[in-house]
Amino acid sequence: MSEIVYFNDQYVPLEEANLGIKTHAFLYGTSLFEGIRGYWLPEEKSISIFRLKEHYQRILANSRIFMMTPKDTLDDLIEQTMEVIRRNAPKQDVYIRMTLYKTGVNIGPFLDKVETTHTIWTHPLGNYVNIDGLHVTVSSWRRVDDNAIPPCAKTGGSYMNTAVMITDAKRQGFDELISLTQDGHVSEGSAMNVFMVRKGKLVTPAITENILEGVTRDCILTLAKNELGLEVEERQVNRTELYRADELFFTGTAAQVAPITKIDTRPVGTGQVGEVTAALQKIYFDVVKNKNPRYSDWCTLVPV
């Protein structure tokens, strides 16, 4: 049975969803996207889509930066996503990709004279990174700056910045990386936010540090305060703080909650997954799988 995707305002088989080689988004990277997770709940025979509304609120807000606001409403996008899930009826965890893109055949990298459309598709996805402990490096490449290509939005073109960083890190034998801002402060991972535990506090770079305003990041800040009673700080972080941290971990839709146990040549804390990280990871997985009624409104259940 062919996979069904949303394309050109219709639900069509994947093999019929094709773009021309002159499409503006292909020529100039003029696209925005959201990655969303759906968790298979066999007991409920449903997919739990995690924070669906918040993901689409983010892309609609960011679309205004790039003059890419779609004609469809927030409710339209939510319903289209649920329908794609219903039609494909996956019995496993899935990744949901919604992409806004400039579809016109126009020569020139402008934004205001080219039609915007969108597509939605799904793909099976387990663990994107090792959630038992990562060895990372501080990248020699800098994170793209807000005054260049705003990293608060998931823009297709800006992922070349991610690509060079993660490719070099992997070729050097690391699992992942931490990038720095142009002025040398901690930004984020290749495609995930970074947290540290230091002196009993949970600390993460502020949204002014060229980071994506992560939906999972927001979840962890909330869960750390509500469930663990931790003091949290969003502030500028120096590179050397990473080497002195008691714990480090990544968060993201794909990464989920991924512990970092070694950075460059140095162990993080004891070199093992820390207590706070382990606790937050367990709480997070309970929440996304709709096992914690306090946060059930974060989960959109789609029977399949």
Protein backbone atom coordinates (compact mmCIF):
# COMPACT_ATOMS: atom_id res chain seq x y z
CA MET A 1 0.00 0.00 0.00
CA SER A 2 1.41 3.38 -1.03
CA GLU A 3 2.14 6.02 1.57
CA ILE A 4 -0.26 8.98 1.45
CA VAL A 5 1.04 12.53 1.73
CA TYR A 6 -0.53 15.98 1.63
CA PHE A 7 0.63 17.78 -1.53
CA ASN A 8 -0.87 20.51 -3.72
CA ASP A 9 -3.99 20.69 -1.51
CA GLN A 10 -4.70 16.98 -1.94
CA TYR A 11 -3.99 13.63 -0.30
CA VAL A 12 -1.99 11.70 -2.88
CA PRO A 13 0.34 8.68 -3.05
CA LEU A 14 3.95 9.59 -2.28
CA GLU A 15 5.13 8.77 -5.82
CA GLU A 16 2.79 11.43 -7.21
CA ALA A 17 4.18 14.21 -4.98
CA ASN A 18 6.98 15.59 -7.13
CA LEU A 19 8.60 19.01 -7.56
CA GLY A 20 10.05 20.44 -10.75
CA ILE A 21 13.74 21.26 -11.00
CA LYS A 22 12.90 24.95 -11.50
CA THR A 23 10.94 25.19 -8.23
CA HIS A 24 12.04 28.27 -6.29
CA ALA A 25 12.61 26.33 -3.05
CA PHE A 26 14.95 23.92 -4.87
CA LEU A 27 16.88 26.75 -6.51
CA TYR A 28 17.24 29.02 -3.46
CA GLY A 29 16.44 27.03 -0.33
CA THR A 30 13.28 29.08 0.29
CA SER A 31 11.48 26.73 2.65
CA LEU A 32 10.51 26.44 6.30
CA PHE A 33 9.70 23.20 8.07
CA GLU A 34 8.53 21.64 11.30
CA GLY A 35 9.50 18.20 12.55
CA ILE A 36 6.91 16.64 14.86
CA ARG A 37 6.86 13.24 16.57
CA GLY A 38 4.02 10.81 16.75
CA TYR A 39 4.29 7.97 19.29
CA TRP A 40 2.51 4.66 18.73
CA LEU A 41 0.35 3.71 21.71
CA PRO A 42 -0.61 0.05 21.19
CA GLU A 43 -2.97 -0.02 24.18
CA GLU A 44 -5.04 2.85 22.77
CA LYS A 45 -4.43 1.86 19.13
CA SER A 46 -3.57 5.51 18.53
CA ILE A 47 -0.72 7.76 17.53
CA SER A 48 0.08 10.42 20.12
CA ILE A 49 1.22 13.52 18.23
CA PHE A 50 3.26 15.57 20.65
CA ARG A 51 2.50 19.29 20.88
CA LEU A 52 1.07 19.48 17.38
CA LYS A 53 -0.55 22.86 17.91
CA GLU A 54 2.60 24.46 19.34
CA HIS A 55 4.71 23.31 16.38
CA TYR A 56 2.31 24.88 13.91
CA GLN A 57 1.99 28.05 15.95
CA ARG A 58 5.78 28.36 15.71
CA ILE A 59 6.00 27.91 11.95
CA LEU A 60 3.11 30.31 11.35
CA ALA A 61 4.87 32.95 13.47
CA ASN A 62 8.18 32.36 11.69
CA SER A 63 6.52 32.40 8.27
CA ARG A 64 5.96 36.13 8.70
CA ILE A 65 9.73 36.71 8.75
CA PHE A 66 10.10 35.12 5.32
CA MET A 67 6.81 36.23 3.73
CA MET A 68 5.70 32.60 3.57
CA THR A 69 2.40 32.64 5.46
CA PRO A 70 0.16 29.90 4.02
CA LYS A 71 -3.46 30.36 3.08
CA ASP A 72 -4.42 27.53 5.45
CA THR A 73 -5.25 28.23 9.09
CA LEU A 74 -3.80 26.62 12.20
CA ASP A 75 -6.87 24.40 12.43
CA ASP A 76 -6.49 23.43 8.76
CA LEU A 77 -2.90 22.31 9.30
CA ILE A 78 -3.82 20.30 12.38
CA GLU A 79 -6.64 18.52 10.56
CA GLN A 80 -4.48 17.82 7.49
CA THR A 81 -1.81 16.25 9.70
CA MET A 82 -4.32 14.10 11.53
CA GLU A 83 -5.80 12.96 8.23
CA VAL A 84 -2.38 11.95 6.89
CA ILE A 85 -1.93 9.86 10.04
CA ARG A 86 -5.39 8.33 9.70
CA ARG A 87 -4.86 7.42 6.04
CA ASN A 88 -1.47 5.80 6.64
CA ALA A 89 -2.43 4.20 9.98
CA PRO A 90 1.15 3.62 11.21
CA LYS A 91 1.68 1.05 13.95
CA GLN A 92 5.04 2.51 15.05
CA ASP A 93 6.57 5.80 16.11
CA VAL A 94 6.65 8.31 13.26
CA TYR A 95 8.27 11.56 12.29
CA ILE A 96 5.91 14.14 10.76
CA ARG A 97 7.39 16.72 8.41
CA MET A 98 5.41 19.79 7.39
CA THR A 99 7.20 22.04 4.91
CA LEU A 100 6.24 25.49 3.69
CA TYR A 101 8.00 26.32 0.45
CA LYS A 102 8.10 28.75 -2.43
CA THR A 103 6.64 26.83 -5.34
CA GLY A 104 6.75 29.26 -8.25
CA VAL A 105 9.13 29.04 -11.19
CA ASN A 106 10.89 32.39 -10.76
CA ILE A 107 14.49 33.38 -11.31
CA GLY A 108 15.82 35.48 -8.44
CA PRO A 109 16.11 34.90 -4.67
CA PHE A 110 13.25 37.15 -3.60
CA LEU A 111 10.41 36.23 -1.26
CA ASP A 112 7.49 38.55 -1.90
CA LYS A 113 6.62 37.64 -5.49
CA VAL A 114 6.56 33.84 -5.31
CA GLU A 115 3.64 31.61 -4.33
CA THR A 116 3.86 29.67 -1.06
CA THR A 117 2.43 26.19 -0.58
CA HIS A 118 3.04 23.30 1.82
CA THR A 119 3.29 19.57 2.11
CA ILE A 120 2.94 17.07 4.98
CA TRP A 121 4.36 13.57 5.12
CA THR A 122 5.41 10.97 7.69
CA HIS A 123 8.31 8.57 8.11
CA PRO A 124 9.09 5.83 10.66
CA LEU A 125 11.51 7.12 13.31
CA GLY A 126 13.02 5.51 16.37
CA ASN A 127 15.90 7.12 18.26
CA TYR A 128 17.54 9.81 16.13
CA VAL A 129 20.60 9.86 18.40
CA ASN A 130 21.88 7.58 21.15
CA ILE A 131 19.79 8.36 24.23
CA ASP A 132 22.16 6.42 26.52
CA GLY A 133 25.14 8.78 26.27
CA LEU A 134 26.75 10.89 23.54
CA HIS A 135 30.36 11.92 22.90
CA VAL A 136 30.27 15.43 21.44
CA THR A 137 32.70 18.10 20.33
CA VAL A 138 32.60 21.88 20.28
CA SER A 139 32.43 22.70 16.58
CA SER A 140 34.96 24.98 14.92
CA TRP A 141 32.12 26.25 12.74
CA ARG A 142 29.90 29.03 14.12
CA ARG A 143 26.10 28.93 14.28
CA VAL A 144 24.47 31.11 11.65
CA ASP A 145 23.54 34.48 13.13
CA ASP A 146 20.06 35.93 13.68
CA ASN A 147 21.01 38.90 11.50
CA ALA A 148 22.00 36.56 8.66
CA ILE A 149 19.48 33.70 8.50
CA PRO A 150 17.37 33.70 11.68
CA PRO A 151 17.91 30.32 13.42
CA CYS A 152 14.69 30.79 15.37
CA ALA A 153 13.06 29.33 12.26
CA LYS A 154 13.80 25.95 10.67
CA THR A 155 14.75 27.25 7.23
CA GLY A 156 15.81 24.83 4.52
CA GLY A 157 18.73 26.96 3.31
CA SER A 158 20.24 27.43 6.77
CA TYR A 159 20.62 23.67 7.25
CA MET A 160 23.80 23.85 5.14
CA ASN A 161 25.25 25.38 8.31
CA THR A 162 24.12 22.30 10.23
CA ALA A 163 25.35 19.99 7.49
CA VAL A 164 28.96 21.19 7.52
CA MET A 165 29.09 21.05 11.32
CA ILE A 166 27.66 17.57 11.78
CA THR A 167 29.58 16.13 8.82
CA ASP A 168 32.91 17.30 10.22
CA ALA A 169 32.03 16.12 13.73
CA LYS A 170 31.03 12.65 12.52
CA ARG A 171 34.14 12.30 10.33
CA GLN A 172 36.23 13.08 13.41
CA GLY A 173 34.54 10.28 15.32
CA PHE A 174 32.07 12.25 17.46
CA ASP A 175 28.37 11.51 17.86
CA GLU A 176 27.24 15.11 17.87
CA LEU A 177 28.43 18.67 18.39
CA ILE A 178 27.79 21.88 20.26
CA SER A 179 27.99 25.07 18.22
CA LEU A 180 29.00 28.53 19.35
CA THR A 181 27.65 31.95 18.45
CA GLN A 182 29.70 34.43 16.43
CA ASP A 183 31.01 35.91 19.70
CA GLY A 184 31.98 32.52 21.10
CA HIS A 185 29.14 31.68 23.49
CA VAL A 186 27.25 28.39 23.56
CA SER A 187 24.39 28.18 21.07
CA GLU A 188 22.97 24.68 20.45
CA GLY A 189 23.66 21.26 18.93
CA SER A 190 23.49 20.49 15.23
CA ALA A 191 19.68 20.44 15.39
CA MET A 192 18.81 20.38 19.09
CA ASN A 193 18.96 22.59 22.16
CA VAL A 194 21.51 22.02 24.91
CA PHE A 195 21.08 22.04 28.70
CA MET A 196 23.54 21.76 31.55
CA VAL A 197 23.19 21.02 35.24
CA ARG A 198 25.62 23.08 37.28
CA LYS A 199 25.59 23.87 41.00
CA GLY A 200 22.11 22.44 41.39
CA LYS A 201 20.57 24.58 38.65
CA LEU A 202 19.34 23.68 35.18
CA VAL A 203 20.83 26.12 32.67
CA THR A 204 20.24 26.59 28.95
CA PRO A 205 21.28 29.32 26.48
CA ALA A 206 18.81 32.17 26.11
CA ILE A 207 16.73 32.54 22.95
CA THR A 208 19.02 35.45 21.96
CA GLU A 209 21.93 33.01 21.47
CA ASN A 210 21.01 32.07 17.89
CA ILE A 211 18.98 29.04 18.93
CA LEU A 212 15.76 27.50 17.75
CA GLU A 213 13.03 28.25 20.28
CA GLY A 214 12.52 24.55 20.82
CA VAL A 215 9.15 23.06 21.66
CA THR A 216 10.92 20.26 23.55
CA ARG A 217 13.13 22.86 25.22
CA ASP A 218 9.99 24.56 26.52
CA CYS A 219 8.68 21.20 27.77
CA ILE A 220 11.87 20.47 29.70
CA LEU A 221 11.90 23.91 31.31
CA THR A 222 8.32 23.30 32.46
CA LEU A 223 8.90 19.72 33.64
CA ALA A 224 12.10 20.62 35.49
CA LYS A 225 10.26 23.26 37.51
CA ASN A 226 6.96 21.44 38.01
CA GLU A 227 8.14 17.86 38.51
CA LEU A 228 11.64 18.20 39.98
CA GLY A 229 11.42 21.61 41.62
CA LEU A 230 14.61 22.75 39.91
CA GLU A 231 15.68 26.33 39.55
CA VAL A 232 16.12 27.03 35.83
CA GLU A 233 18.13 29.73 34.11
CA GLU A 234 18.02 30.91 30.51
CA ARG A 235 21.19 32.92 30.01
CA GLN A 236 24.46 33.31 28.15
CA VAL A 237 26.69 30.27 28.63
CA ASN A 238 30.47 30.23 28.25
CA ARG A 239 32.25 27.33 26.55
CA THR A 240 34.29 26.58 29.67
CA GLU A 241 31.09 26.02 31.63
CA LEU A 242 30.46 22.98 29.48
CA TYR A 243 33.69 21.40 30.69
CA ARG A 244 32.81 22.11 34.33
CA ALA A 245 29.16 21.05 34.11
CA ASP A 246 27.84 18.25 36.33
CA GLU A 247 25.52 17.07 33.53
CA LEU A 248 24.83 17.92 29.91
CA PHE A 249 22.04 16.84 27.59
CA PHE A 250 20.33 17.70 24.33
CA THR A 251 16.62 18.16 23.74
CA GLY A 252 14.63 18.21 20.54
CA THR A 253 11.81 16.56 18.65
CA ALA A 254 14.25 14.12 17.05
CA ALA A 255 16.80 13.99 19.89
CA GLN A 256 14.12 13.79 22.62
CA VAL A 257 16.21 13.91 25.84
CA ALA A 258 19.73 12.72 24.96
CA PRO A 259 22.47 12.65 27.64
CA ILE A 260 25.97 13.87 26.84
CA THR A 261 28.61 11.91 28.77
CA LYS A 262 31.79 13.20 27.11
CA ILE A 263 32.73 16.50 25.49
CA ASP A 264 35.90 16.72 23.40
CA THR A 265 38.43 14.77 25.50
CA ARG A 266 36.72 15.39 28.83
CA PRO A 267 34.09 13.38 30.71
CA VAL A 268 30.95 15.25 31.68
CA GLY A 269 30.70 14.99 35.48
CA THR A 270 31.35 11.36 36.35
CA GLY A 271 31.19 10.33 32.70
CA GLN A 272 27.85 8.61 33.31
CA VAL A 273 24.27 9.73 32.71
CA GLY A 274 23.42 12.15 35.52
CA GLU A 275 20.52 11.85 37.96
CA VAL A 276 18.71 14.97 36.74
CA THR A 277 19.07 13.98 33.09
CA ALA A 278 17.82 10.45 33.78
CA ALA A 279 14.84 11.75 35.77
CA LEU A 280 13.87 14.27 33.09
CA GLN A 281 14.25 11.65 30.37
CA LYS A 282 11.87 9.28 32.16
CA ILE A 283 9.33 12.01 32.87
CA TYR A 284 9.50 13.19 29.26
CA PHE A 285 8.84 9.76 27.77
CA ASP A 286 5.88 9.27 30.09
CA VAL A 287 4.48 12.62 29.00
CA VAL A 288 4.86 12.13 25.23
CA LYS A 289 3.23 8.71 25.49
CA ASN A 290 0.27 10.24 27.33
CA LYS A 291 1.03 8.44 30.61
CA ASN A 292 0.97 11.60 32.73
CA PRO A 293 -2.54 13.10 32.92
CA ARG A 294 -1.16 16.46 34.03
CA TYR A 295 0.15 17.00 30.50
CA SER A 296 -2.40 15.14 28.43
CA ASP A 297 -3.28 18.37 26.63
CA TRP A 298 0.18 18.22 25.03
CA CYS A 299 -0.81 15.02 23.22
CA THR A 300 -3.15 14.80 20.24
CA LEU A 301 -4.40 11.22 20.00
CA VAL A 302 -5.28 9.96 16.53
CA PRO A 303 -6.92 6.49 16.42
CA VAL A 304 -5.44 4.37 13.62
